[in-house]
Amino acid sequence: MKTFTLYLVILCCLLQGCASMDTEQTPTTRTVDTTASFPEKIAIIEQDVSNLEETGDLDYSSTYVEIFDSPEEYYSSALDFIADPARSLQQKQIAAYAMSNIELNKYVALANTAYQAFKAGTAAEDLLAQLVYYQYPSPSNKIVVNYKDPEVVKLLSTIKTEGKVSADFQKTIDEILSGKLLQLHKATP
């Protein structure tokens, strides 16, 4: 009888361990709420992905994927959201990541909105840097790749000449406009 009880205890422990391993390996996603507003969707994504240090985790949020796959649908709301002083840096970063699949001219307008918010003190330089020279999921940001585009040149020149960003940011703008940053991105696996 003792052997049988011990066997059951071991079996139960093994089954519980396997069950917990399965839930850790399979991310949970919720059903996309198509009636939710853009700010509500960003809040859902923020709950799904509590730490943006692992930006790849964004892909596990079905709400993030919905926005990323259809950015045109959310463009006006994203502009308002980025400019909204009531939104946190993380919320604005999530919105920027989600909109990274939008066409270039609208992406530049989104970056310009972030710059205007930065000048007004309602957005951090980190958000602007994310939009200008770093962006998940692409290994190279749209602005970096399209550094010769007239709209991109105009935006970057404005940001640099107005002198509101840090010296390091201004140096990075020079590297973008010269094409050096793109070459660095291409050389980095």
N, C-alpha and C. Protein backbone atom coordinates (compact mmCIF):
# COMPACT_ATOMS: atom_id res chain seq x y z
N MET A 1 0.82 -1.20 0.00
CA MET A 1 0.00 0.00 0.00
C MET A 1 0.87 1.27 0.00
N LYS A 2 1.96 1.28 0.81
CA LYS A 2 2.84 2.44 0.87
C LYS A 2 3.48 2.69 -0.49
N THR A 3 3.86 1.64 -1.19
CA THR A 3 4.48 1.77 -2.51
C THR A 3 3.50 2.38 -3.49
N PHE A 4 2.24 1.93 -3.45
CA PHE A 4 1.22 2.46 -4.34
C PHE A 4 0.97 3.94 -4.07
N THR A 5 0.90 4.35 -2.81
CA THR A 5 0.69 5.74 -2.43
C THR A 5 1.87 6.60 -2.89
N LEU A 6 3.07 6.09 -2.67
CA LEU A 6 4.26 6.81 -3.12
C LEU A 6 4.25 6.98 -4.63
N TYR A 7 3.87 5.94 -5.32
CA TYR A 7 3.77 5.99 -6.79
C TYR A 7 2.77 7.07 -7.24
N LEU A 8 1.62 7.14 -6.57
CA LEU A 8 0.60 8.15 -6.90
C LEU A 8 1.12 9.57 -6.65
N VAL A 9 1.82 9.75 -5.53
CA VAL A 9 2.38 11.08 -5.21
C VAL A 9 3.38 11.49 -6.28
N ILE A 10 4.27 10.57 -6.66
CA ILE A 10 5.26 10.89 -7.69
C ILE A 10 4.57 11.18 -9.01
N LEU A 11 3.58 10.39 -9.37
CA LEU A 11 2.84 10.59 -10.62
C LEU A 11 2.15 11.96 -10.62
N CYS A 12 1.53 12.31 -9.52
CA CYS A 12 0.85 13.61 -9.43
C CYS A 12 1.85 14.76 -9.56
N CYS A 13 2.99 14.63 -8.91
CA CYS A 13 4.02 15.68 -9.00
C CYS A 13 4.51 15.83 -10.43
N LEU A 14 4.73 14.70 -11.08
CA LEU A 14 5.18 14.76 -12.47
C LEU A 14 4.14 15.42 -13.36
N LEU A 15 2.88 15.05 -13.17
CA LEU A 15 1.81 15.65 -13.99
C LEU A 15 1.68 17.14 -13.73
N GLN A 16 1.78 17.55 -12.49
CA GLN A 16 1.70 18.98 -12.19
C GLN A 16 2.89 19.73 -12.77
N GLY A 17 4.06 19.16 -12.67
CA GLY A 17 5.25 19.78 -13.25
C GLY A 17 5.13 19.93 -14.74
N CYS A 18 4.62 18.90 -15.42
CA CYS A 18 4.45 18.97 -16.88
C CYS A 18 3.40 20.00 -17.25
N ALA A 19 2.35 20.07 -16.45
CA ALA A 19 1.30 21.06 -16.76
C ALA A 19 1.83 22.46 -16.61
N SER A 20 2.64 22.70 -15.56
CA SER A 20 3.17 24.05 -15.39
C SER A 20 4.19 24.38 -16.46
N MET A 21 4.95 23.38 -16.93
CA MET A 21 5.91 23.64 -18.00
C MET A 21 5.18 24.00 -19.28
N ASP A 22 4.05 23.36 -19.55
CA ASP A 22 3.30 23.67 -20.77
C ASP A 22 2.79 25.10 -20.76
N THR A 23 2.30 25.56 -19.61
CA THR A 23 1.77 26.92 -19.58
C THR A 23 2.87 27.95 -19.69
N GLU A 24 4.06 27.62 -19.22
CA GLU A 24 5.17 28.56 -19.35
C GLU A 24 5.65 28.67 -20.78
N GLN A 25 5.58 27.60 -21.53
CA GLN A 25 6.09 27.60 -22.89
C GLN A 25 5.08 28.15 -23.89
N THR A 26 3.82 28.06 -23.56
CA THR A 26 2.80 28.53 -24.47
C THR A 26 2.22 29.84 -23.95
N PRO A 27 2.52 30.95 -24.59
CA PRO A 27 2.01 32.23 -24.10
C PRO A 27 0.49 32.29 -24.23
N THR A 28 -0.12 32.93 -23.28
CA THR A 28 -1.56 33.07 -23.34
C THR A 28 -1.89 34.37 -24.06
N THR A 29 -2.83 34.29 -24.94
CA THR A 29 -3.30 35.49 -25.63
C THR A 29 -4.81 35.54 -25.48
N ARG A 30 -5.32 36.72 -25.50
CA ARG A 30 -6.76 36.88 -25.37
C ARG A 30 -7.37 37.14 -26.74
N THR A 31 -8.65 36.95 -26.81
CA THR A 31 -9.36 37.22 -28.05
C THR A 31 -9.37 38.73 -28.29
N VAL A 32 -9.17 39.12 -29.53
CA VAL A 32 -9.12 40.53 -29.88
C VAL A 32 -10.52 41.13 -29.71
N ASP A 33 -10.59 42.23 -28.98
CA ASP A 33 -11.84 42.96 -28.80
C ASP A 33 -11.92 44.02 -29.88
N THR A 34 -12.73 43.76 -30.89
CA THR A 34 -12.82 44.68 -32.03
C THR A 34 -13.58 45.96 -31.68
N THR A 35 -14.27 45.99 -30.54
CA THR A 35 -15.01 47.20 -30.17
C THR A 35 -14.18 48.14 -29.30
N ALA A 36 -13.03 47.68 -28.84
CA ALA A 36 -12.19 48.50 -27.96
C ALA A 36 -11.59 49.67 -28.74
N SER A 37 -11.44 50.79 -28.07
CA SER A 37 -10.81 51.96 -28.67
C SER A 37 -9.29 51.73 -28.73
N PHE A 38 -8.59 52.59 -29.47
CA PHE A 38 -7.13 52.47 -29.56
C PHE A 38 -6.48 52.54 -28.18
N PRO A 39 -6.82 53.53 -27.34
CA PRO A 39 -6.21 53.55 -25.99
C PRO A 39 -6.52 52.28 -25.18
N GLU A 40 -7.72 51.74 -25.33
CA GLU A 40 -8.06 50.50 -24.62
C GLU A 40 -7.22 49.33 -25.14
N LYS A 41 -6.99 49.32 -26.44
CA LYS A 41 -6.17 48.25 -27.02
C LYS A 41 -4.72 48.35 -26.55
N ILE A 42 -4.21 49.56 -26.44
CA ILE A 42 -2.85 49.73 -25.93
C ILE A 42 -2.78 49.26 -24.48
N ALA A 43 -3.81 49.54 -23.70
CA ALA A 43 -3.85 49.08 -22.30
C ALA A 43 -3.88 47.55 -22.24
N ILE A 44 -4.59 46.92 -23.14
CA ILE A 44 -4.63 45.45 -23.20
C ILE A 44 -3.24 44.90 -23.53
N ILE A 45 -2.59 45.52 -24.51
CA ILE A 45 -1.24 45.09 -24.88
C ILE A 45 -0.30 45.27 -23.69
N GLU A 46 -0.43 46.39 -23.00
CA GLU A 46 0.43 46.66 -21.84
C GLU A 46 0.23 45.58 -20.77
N GLN A 47 -0.99 45.09 -20.59
CA GLN A 47 -1.24 44.01 -19.64
C GLN A 47 -0.64 42.70 -20.14
N ASP A 48 -0.75 42.46 -21.46
CA ASP A 48 -0.21 41.23 -22.05
C ASP A 48 1.31 41.18 -21.95
N VAL A 49 1.95 42.34 -22.14
CA VAL A 49 3.42 42.44 -22.16
C VAL A 49 3.82 43.49 -21.13
N SER A 50 4.14 43.05 -19.94
CA SER A 50 4.40 44.01 -18.88
C SER A 50 5.78 44.67 -18.98
N ASN A 51 6.71 44.04 -19.69
CA ASN A 51 8.07 44.58 -19.76
C ASN A 51 8.51 44.67 -21.22
N LEU A 52 8.79 45.86 -21.68
CA LEU A 52 9.17 46.04 -23.09
C LEU A 52 10.64 45.74 -23.37
N GLU A 53 11.39 45.30 -22.37
CA GLU A 53 12.78 44.93 -22.64
C GLU A 53 12.86 43.76 -23.60
N GLU A 54 11.85 42.93 -23.59
CA GLU A 54 11.75 41.81 -24.53
C GLU A 54 10.68 42.16 -25.56
N THR A 55 11.03 43.00 -26.51
CA THR A 55 10.03 43.48 -27.47
C THR A 55 9.43 42.36 -28.30
N GLY A 56 10.12 41.25 -28.43
CA GLY A 56 9.58 40.11 -29.16
C GLY A 56 8.32 39.56 -28.50
N ASP A 57 8.16 39.84 -27.20
CA ASP A 57 6.95 39.39 -26.50
C ASP A 57 5.70 40.08 -27.04
N LEU A 58 5.86 41.20 -27.70
CA LEU A 58 4.70 41.89 -28.28
C LEU A 58 3.95 40.98 -29.25
N ASP A 59 4.68 40.14 -29.96
CA ASP A 59 4.06 39.26 -30.94
C ASP A 59 3.10 38.26 -30.31
N TYR A 60 3.20 38.04 -29.01
CA TYR A 60 2.30 37.12 -28.32
C TYR A 60 0.97 37.75 -27.97
N SER A 61 0.85 39.04 -28.18
CA SER A 61 -0.40 39.73 -27.91
C SER A 61 -1.20 39.82 -29.21
N SER A 62 -2.34 39.18 -29.23
CA SER A 62 -3.17 39.21 -30.45
C SER A 62 -3.64 40.63 -30.75
N THR A 63 -3.80 41.44 -29.73
CA THR A 63 -4.22 42.83 -29.95
C THR A 63 -3.10 43.62 -30.62
N TYR A 64 -1.86 43.39 -30.21
CA TYR A 64 -0.72 44.03 -30.86
C TYR A 64 -0.66 43.62 -32.33
N VAL A 65 -0.78 42.35 -32.59
CA VAL A 65 -0.71 41.83 -33.96
C VAL A 65 -1.82 42.44 -34.82
N GLU A 66 -3.00 42.60 -34.23
CA GLU A 66 -4.11 43.21 -34.96
C GLU A 66 -3.76 44.62 -35.42
N ILE A 67 -3.20 45.44 -34.54
CA ILE A 67 -2.83 46.82 -34.89
C ILE A 67 -1.67 46.81 -35.88
N PHE A 68 -0.66 45.99 -35.62
CA PHE A 68 0.52 45.91 -36.48
C PHE A 68 0.14 45.51 -37.91
N ASP A 69 -0.81 44.60 -38.04
CA ASP A 69 -1.23 44.13 -39.36
C ASP A 69 -2.14 45.12 -40.11
N SER A 70 -2.75 46.04 -39.38
CA SER A 70 -3.67 47.02 -40.00
C SER A 70 -3.41 48.42 -39.47
N PRO A 71 -2.21 48.95 -39.61
CA PRO A 71 -1.89 50.24 -38.98
C PRO A 71 -2.68 51.41 -39.56
N GLU A 72 -3.06 51.33 -40.84
CA GLU A 72 -3.82 52.43 -41.46
C GLU A 72 -5.12 52.69 -40.71
N GLU A 73 -5.70 51.64 -40.21
CA GLU A 73 -6.97 51.72 -39.49
C GLU A 73 -6.84 52.53 -38.19
N TYR A 74 -5.63 52.57 -37.64
CA TYR A 74 -5.41 53.19 -36.33
C TYR A 74 -4.58 54.47 -36.41
N TYR A 75 -4.24 54.89 -37.59
CA TYR A 75 -3.30 55.99 -37.78
C TYR A 75 -3.70 57.27 -37.03
N SER A 76 -4.89 57.76 -37.26
CA SER A 76 -5.34 59.01 -36.60
C SER A 76 -5.34 58.87 -35.08
N SER A 77 -5.80 57.74 -34.61
CA SER A 77 -5.81 57.50 -33.16
C SER A 77 -4.40 57.44 -32.60
N ALA A 78 -3.48 56.85 -33.37
CA ALA A 78 -2.09 56.76 -32.91
C ALA A 78 -1.45 58.14 -32.81
N LEU A 79 -1.73 59.01 -33.77
CA LEU A 79 -1.20 60.38 -33.71
C LEU A 79 -1.67 61.08 -32.44
N ASP A 80 -2.97 60.98 -32.16
CA ASP A 80 -3.54 61.60 -30.96
C ASP A 80 -2.93 60.98 -29.69
N PHE A 81 -2.76 59.67 -29.71
CA PHE A 81 -2.24 58.95 -28.55
C PHE A 81 -0.80 59.37 -28.24
N ILE A 82 0.04 59.46 -29.26
CA ILE A 82 1.44 59.86 -29.08
C ILE A 82 1.53 61.29 -28.52
N ALA A 83 0.62 62.14 -28.94
CA ALA A 83 0.63 63.54 -28.50
C ALA A 83 -0.01 63.74 -27.11
N ASP A 84 -0.73 62.75 -26.62
CA ASP A 84 -1.48 62.87 -25.37
C ASP A 84 -0.54 62.88 -24.16
N PRO A 85 -0.49 63.98 -23.41
CA PRO A 85 0.40 64.04 -22.25
C PRO A 85 0.01 63.08 -21.13
N ALA A 86 -1.22 62.58 -21.15
CA ALA A 86 -1.67 61.67 -20.09
C ALA A 86 -1.16 60.25 -20.28
N ARG A 87 -0.59 59.94 -21.42
CA ARG A 87 -0.11 58.59 -21.71
C ARG A 87 1.33 58.41 -21.21
N SER A 88 1.61 57.23 -20.69
CA SER A 88 2.96 56.94 -20.18
C SER A 88 3.92 56.67 -21.34
N LEU A 89 5.20 56.73 -21.03
CA LEU A 89 6.22 56.42 -22.03
C LEU A 89 6.02 55.01 -22.57
N GLN A 90 5.79 54.05 -21.68
CA GLN A 90 5.60 52.67 -22.13
C GLN A 90 4.39 52.54 -23.05
N GLN A 91 3.30 53.20 -22.73
CA GLN A 91 2.12 53.14 -23.59
C GLN A 91 2.42 53.73 -24.96
N LYS A 92 3.13 54.85 -24.97
CA LYS A 92 3.48 55.49 -26.25
C LYS A 92 4.44 54.60 -27.05
N GLN A 93 5.35 53.93 -26.36
CA GLN A 93 6.27 53.03 -27.05
C GLN A 93 5.52 51.85 -27.67
N ILE A 94 4.56 51.31 -26.94
CA ILE A 94 3.76 50.22 -27.49
C ILE A 94 3.03 50.68 -28.73
N ALA A 95 2.45 51.88 -28.67
CA ALA A 95 1.74 52.43 -29.84
C ALA A 95 2.69 52.59 -31.02
N ALA A 96 3.89 53.09 -30.75
CA ALA A 96 4.88 53.28 -31.82
C ALA A 96 5.29 51.94 -32.43
N TYR A 97 5.56 50.96 -31.59
CA TYR A 97 5.90 49.62 -32.09
C TYR A 97 4.77 49.07 -32.97
N ALA A 98 3.55 49.22 -32.48
CA ALA A 98 2.40 48.69 -33.21
C ALA A 98 2.20 49.37 -34.56
N MET A 99 2.63 50.62 -34.67
CA MET A 99 2.44 51.36 -35.92
C MET A 99 3.64 51.26 -36.87
N SER A 100 4.63 50.48 -36.53
CA SER A 100 5.86 50.43 -37.32
C SER A 100 5.68 49.82 -38.71
N ASN A 101 4.54 49.25 -38.97
CA ASN A 101 4.27 48.64 -40.27
C ASN A 101 3.55 49.59 -41.23
N ILE A 102 3.39 50.83 -40.85
CA ILE A 102 2.66 51.81 -41.67
C ILE A 102 3.57 52.35 -42.78
N GLU A 103 2.98 52.91 -43.81
CA GLU A 103 3.77 53.43 -44.93
C GLU A 103 4.66 54.59 -44.47
N LEU A 104 5.74 54.82 -45.21
CA LEU A 104 6.78 55.76 -44.80
C LEU A 104 6.28 57.17 -44.48
N ASN A 105 5.49 57.77 -45.35
CA ASN A 105 5.09 59.16 -45.10
C ASN A 105 4.28 59.29 -43.80
N LYS A 106 3.48 58.30 -43.50
CA LYS A 106 2.71 58.34 -42.25
C LYS A 106 3.60 58.03 -41.04
N TYR A 107 4.59 57.20 -41.26
CA TYR A 107 5.54 56.91 -40.19
C TYR A 107 6.34 58.17 -39.85
N VAL A 108 6.74 58.91 -40.86
CA VAL A 108 7.47 60.17 -40.64
C VAL A 108 6.56 61.16 -39.90
N ALA A 109 5.29 61.21 -40.26
CA ALA A 109 4.35 62.09 -39.55
C ALA A 109 4.20 61.66 -38.09
N LEU A 110 4.21 60.37 -37.84
CA LEU A 110 4.13 59.87 -36.47
C LEU A 110 5.38 60.29 -35.69
N ALA A 111 6.55 60.16 -36.31
CA ALA A 111 7.79 60.60 -35.68
C ALA A 111 7.78 62.11 -35.44
N ASN A 112 7.24 62.86 -36.37
CA ASN A 112 7.13 64.31 -36.20
C ASN A 112 6.20 64.66 -35.04
N THR A 113 5.11 63.91 -34.91
CA THR A 113 4.19 64.12 -33.79
C THR A 113 4.91 63.86 -32.47
N ALA A 114 5.73 62.80 -32.44
CA ALA A 114 6.51 62.51 -31.22
C ALA A 114 7.50 63.63 -30.95
N TYR A 115 8.09 64.20 -32.01
CA TYR A 115 9.03 65.30 -31.82
C TYR A 115 8.32 66.54 -31.27
N GLN A 116 7.15 66.84 -31.80
CA GLN A 116 6.38 67.99 -31.30
C GLN A 116 6.00 67.78 -29.83
N ALA A 117 5.63 66.55 -29.49
CA ALA A 117 5.30 66.23 -28.09
C ALA A 117 6.55 66.34 -27.21
N PHE A 118 7.68 65.92 -27.75
CA PHE A 118 8.94 66.05 -27.02
C PHE A 118 9.25 67.52 -26.74
N LYS A 119 9.11 68.37 -27.76
CA LYS A 119 9.36 69.81 -27.58
C LYS A 119 8.41 70.42 -26.56
N ALA A 120 7.19 69.91 -26.52
CA ALA A 120 6.19 70.43 -25.58
C ALA A 120 6.36 69.84 -24.17
N GLY A 121 7.28 68.88 -24.05
CA GLY A 121 7.52 68.27 -22.75
C GLY A 121 6.58 67.14 -22.40
N THR A 122 5.85 66.63 -23.39
CA THR A 122 4.88 65.56 -23.11
C THR A 122 5.31 64.20 -23.66
N ALA A 123 6.53 64.12 -24.14
CA ALA A 123 7.08 62.84 -24.60
C ALA A 123 8.58 62.83 -24.33
N ALA A 124 9.09 61.66 -24.05
CA ALA A 124 10.51 61.51 -23.73
C ALA A 124 11.35 61.38 -25.00
N GLU A 125 12.62 61.75 -24.88
CA GLU A 125 13.54 61.58 -26.00
C GLU A 125 13.65 60.11 -26.40
N ASP A 126 13.48 59.21 -25.44
CA ASP A 126 13.53 57.77 -25.73
C ASP A 126 12.48 57.36 -26.77
N LEU A 127 11.30 57.93 -26.66
CA LEU A 127 10.25 57.63 -27.64
C LEU A 127 10.66 58.12 -29.02
N LEU A 128 11.18 59.32 -29.08
CA LEU A 128 11.62 59.89 -30.35
C LEU A 128 12.75 59.05 -30.94
N ALA A 129 13.68 58.63 -30.11
CA ALA A 129 14.79 57.77 -30.57
C ALA A 129 14.26 56.45 -31.12
N GLN A 130 13.28 55.90 -30.45
CA GLN A 130 12.67 54.65 -30.92
C GLN A 130 12.11 54.82 -32.33
N LEU A 131 11.44 55.92 -32.55
CA LEU A 131 10.83 56.15 -33.86
C LEU A 131 11.86 56.54 -34.92
N VAL A 132 12.90 57.24 -34.52
CA VAL A 132 13.86 57.75 -35.50
C VAL A 132 14.93 56.73 -35.86
N TYR A 133 15.44 56.00 -34.90
CA TYR A 133 16.54 55.11 -35.28
C TYR A 133 16.49 53.71 -34.71
N TYR A 134 15.51 53.40 -33.91
CA TYR A 134 15.36 52.03 -33.45
C TYR A 134 13.91 51.64 -33.59
N GLN A 135 13.66 50.44 -34.03
CA GLN A 135 12.28 50.00 -34.14
C GLN A 135 12.22 48.49 -34.22
N TYR A 136 11.45 47.89 -33.36
CA TYR A 136 11.13 46.49 -33.44
C TYR A 136 9.92 46.41 -34.36
N PRO A 137 9.75 45.45 -35.21
CA PRO A 137 10.48 44.21 -35.35
C PRO A 137 11.55 44.26 -36.45
N SER A 138 11.62 45.33 -37.16
CA SER A 138 12.57 45.43 -38.27
C SER A 138 13.99 45.61 -37.75
N PRO A 139 14.97 44.96 -38.40
CA PRO A 139 16.34 45.19 -37.97
C PRO A 139 16.83 46.59 -38.31
N SER A 140 16.15 47.24 -39.23
CA SER A 140 16.49 48.62 -39.58
C SER A 140 15.22 49.45 -39.62
N ASN A 141 15.27 50.55 -38.97
CA ASN A 141 14.15 51.47 -38.88
C ASN A 141 13.82 52.08 -40.25
N LYS A 142 12.55 52.40 -40.47
CA LYS A 142 12.11 53.00 -41.75
C LYS A 142 12.87 54.28 -42.06
N ILE A 143 13.12 55.08 -41.05
CA ILE A 143 13.82 56.35 -41.27
C ILE A 143 15.28 56.09 -41.62
N VAL A 144 15.90 55.13 -40.94
CA VAL A 144 17.28 54.78 -41.23
C VAL A 144 17.41 54.24 -42.65
N VAL A 145 16.51 53.36 -43.04
CA VAL A 145 16.55 52.76 -44.38
C VAL A 145 16.28 53.80 -45.46
N ASN A 146 15.41 54.73 -45.19
CA ASN A 146 15.00 55.74 -46.18
C ASN A 146 15.64 57.10 -45.90
N TYR A 147 16.88 57.09 -45.48
CA TYR A 147 17.55 58.32 -45.05
C TYR A 147 17.67 59.37 -46.14
N LYS A 148 17.53 58.99 -47.41
CA LYS A 148 17.62 59.97 -48.49
C LYS A 148 16.26 60.55 -48.89
N ASP A 149 15.20 60.00 -48.36
CA ASP A 149 13.86 60.49 -48.68
C ASP A 149 13.72 61.94 -48.22
N PRO A 150 13.17 62.82 -49.08
CA PRO A 150 13.07 64.25 -48.71
C PRO A 150 12.32 64.51 -47.40
N GLU A 151 11.24 63.75 -47.14
CA GLU A 151 10.50 63.95 -45.89
C GLU A 151 11.36 63.56 -44.67
N VAL A 152 12.12 62.50 -44.82
CA VAL A 152 13.00 62.04 -43.74
C VAL A 152 14.10 63.07 -43.50
N VAL A 153 14.71 63.55 -44.57
CA VAL A 153 15.78 64.55 -44.44
C VAL A 153 15.24 65.80 -43.77
N LYS A 154 14.07 66.23 -44.16
CA LYS A 154 13.47 67.43 -43.57
C LYS A 154 13.23 67.24 -42.07
N LEU A 155 12.64 66.10 -41.68
CA LEU A 155 12.38 65.84 -40.27
C LEU A 155 13.67 65.81 -39.47
N LEU A 156 14.65 65.04 -39.94
CA LEU A 156 15.91 64.91 -39.20
C LEU A 156 16.65 66.24 -39.12
N SER A 157 16.64 66.99 -40.21
CA SER A 157 17.30 68.31 -40.20
C SER A 157 16.64 69.25 -39.21
N THR A 158 15.32 69.22 -39.16
CA THR A 158 14.58 70.06 -38.20
C THR A 158 14.93 69.68 -36.77
N ILE A 159 14.91 68.38 -36.49
CA ILE A 159 15.21 67.92 -35.14
C ILE A 159 16.62 68.35 -34.74
N LYS A 160 17.56 68.20 -35.66
CA LYS A 160 18.95 68.53 -35.34
C LYS A 160 19.16 70.04 -35.19
N THR A 161 18.65 70.83 -36.12
CA THR A 161 18.92 72.28 -36.09
C THR A 161 18.22 72.99 -34.94
N GLU A 162 17.09 72.47 -34.51
CA GLU A 162 16.40 73.11 -33.39
C GLU A 162 17.12 72.84 -32.07
N GLY A 163 18.00 71.85 -32.06
CA GLY A 163 18.86 71.62 -30.90
C GLY A 163 18.18 71.23 -29.61
N LYS A 164 16.99 70.71 -29.67
CA LYS A 164 16.28 70.33 -28.44
C LYS A 164 16.69 68.96 -27.92
N VAL A 165 17.24 68.10 -28.81
CA VAL A 165 17.62 66.75 -28.41
C VAL A 165 19.07 66.74 -27.92
N SER A 166 19.45 65.67 -27.27
CA SER A 166 20.80 65.55 -26.71
C SER A 166 21.88 65.55 -27.81
N ALA A 167 23.09 65.79 -27.40
CA ALA A 167 24.23 65.78 -28.34
C ALA A 167 24.40 64.40 -28.97
N ASP A 168 24.18 63.34 -28.18
CA ASP A 168 24.27 61.98 -28.73
C ASP A 168 23.21 61.74 -29.80
N PHE A 169 22.02 62.25 -29.56
CA PHE A 169 20.94 62.10 -30.54
C PHE A 169 21.31 62.86 -31.82
N GLN A 170 21.85 64.06 -31.67
CA GLN A 170 22.26 64.84 -32.85
C GLN A 170 23.34 64.11 -33.64
N LYS A 171 24.27 63.47 -32.92
CA LYS A 171 25.32 62.69 -33.59
C LYS A 171 24.70 61.52 -34.36
N THR A 172 23.70 60.88 -33.76
CA THR A 172 23.03 59.77 -34.43
C THR A 172 22.31 60.25 -35.68
N ILE A 173 21.73 61.44 -35.63
CA ILE A 173 21.08 62.01 -36.82
C ILE A 173 22.11 62.18 -37.93
N ASP A 174 23.30 62.67 -37.59
CA ASP A 174 24.37 62.79 -38.60
C ASP A 174 24.71 61.42 -39.20
N GLU A 175 24.75 60.40 -38.35
CA GLU A 175 25.06 59.05 -38.83
C GLU A 175 23.94 58.50 -39.73
N ILE A 176 22.70 58.88 -39.43
CA ILE A 176 21.59 58.46 -40.29
C ILE A 176 21.69 59.15 -41.64
N LEU A 177 21.83 60.48 -41.61
CA LEU A 177 21.85 61.25 -42.85
C LEU A 177 23.03 60.91 -43.76
N SER A 178 24.12 60.44 -43.17
CA SER A 178 25.29 60.06 -43.98
C SER A 178 25.18 58.63 -44.51
N GLY A 179 24.23 57.86 -43.99
CA GLY A 179 24.08 56.46 -44.39
C GLY A 179 24.91 55.51 -43.54
N LYS A 180 25.71 56.05 -42.62
CA LYS A 180 26.57 55.20 -41.78
C LYS A 180 25.76 54.26 -40.89
N LEU A 181 24.66 54.75 -40.33
CA LEU A 181 23.88 53.91 -39.44
C LEU A 181 23.25 52.74 -40.20
N LEU A 182 22.80 52.99 -41.41
CA LEU A 182 22.25 51.91 -42.24
C LEU A 182 23.32 50.86 -42.51
N GLN A 183 24.52 51.30 -42.84
CA GLN A 183 25.60 50.35 -43.08
C GLN A 183 25.92 49.53 -41.83
N LEU A 184 25.86 50.18 -40.66
CA LEU A 184 26.09 49.48 -39.41
C LEU A 184 25.01 48.43 -39.19
N HIS A 185 23.76 48.79 -39.45
CA HIS A 185 22.65 47.84 -39.29
C HIS A 185 22.83 46.64 -40.21
N LYS A 186 23.25 46.91 -41.44
CA LYS A 186 23.45 45.82 -42.41
C LYS A 186 24.61 44.92 -42.01
N ALA A 187 25.62 45.49 -41.39
CA ALA A 187 26.80 44.72 -41.01
C ALA A 187 26.59 43.90 -39.73
N THR A 188 25.59 44.29 -38.94
CA THR A 188 25.31 43.60 -37.69
C THR A 188 24.30 42.48 -37.95
N PRO A 189 24.68 41.23 -37.63
CA PRO A 189 23.75 40.12 -37.87
C PRO A 189 22.53 40.15 -36.98
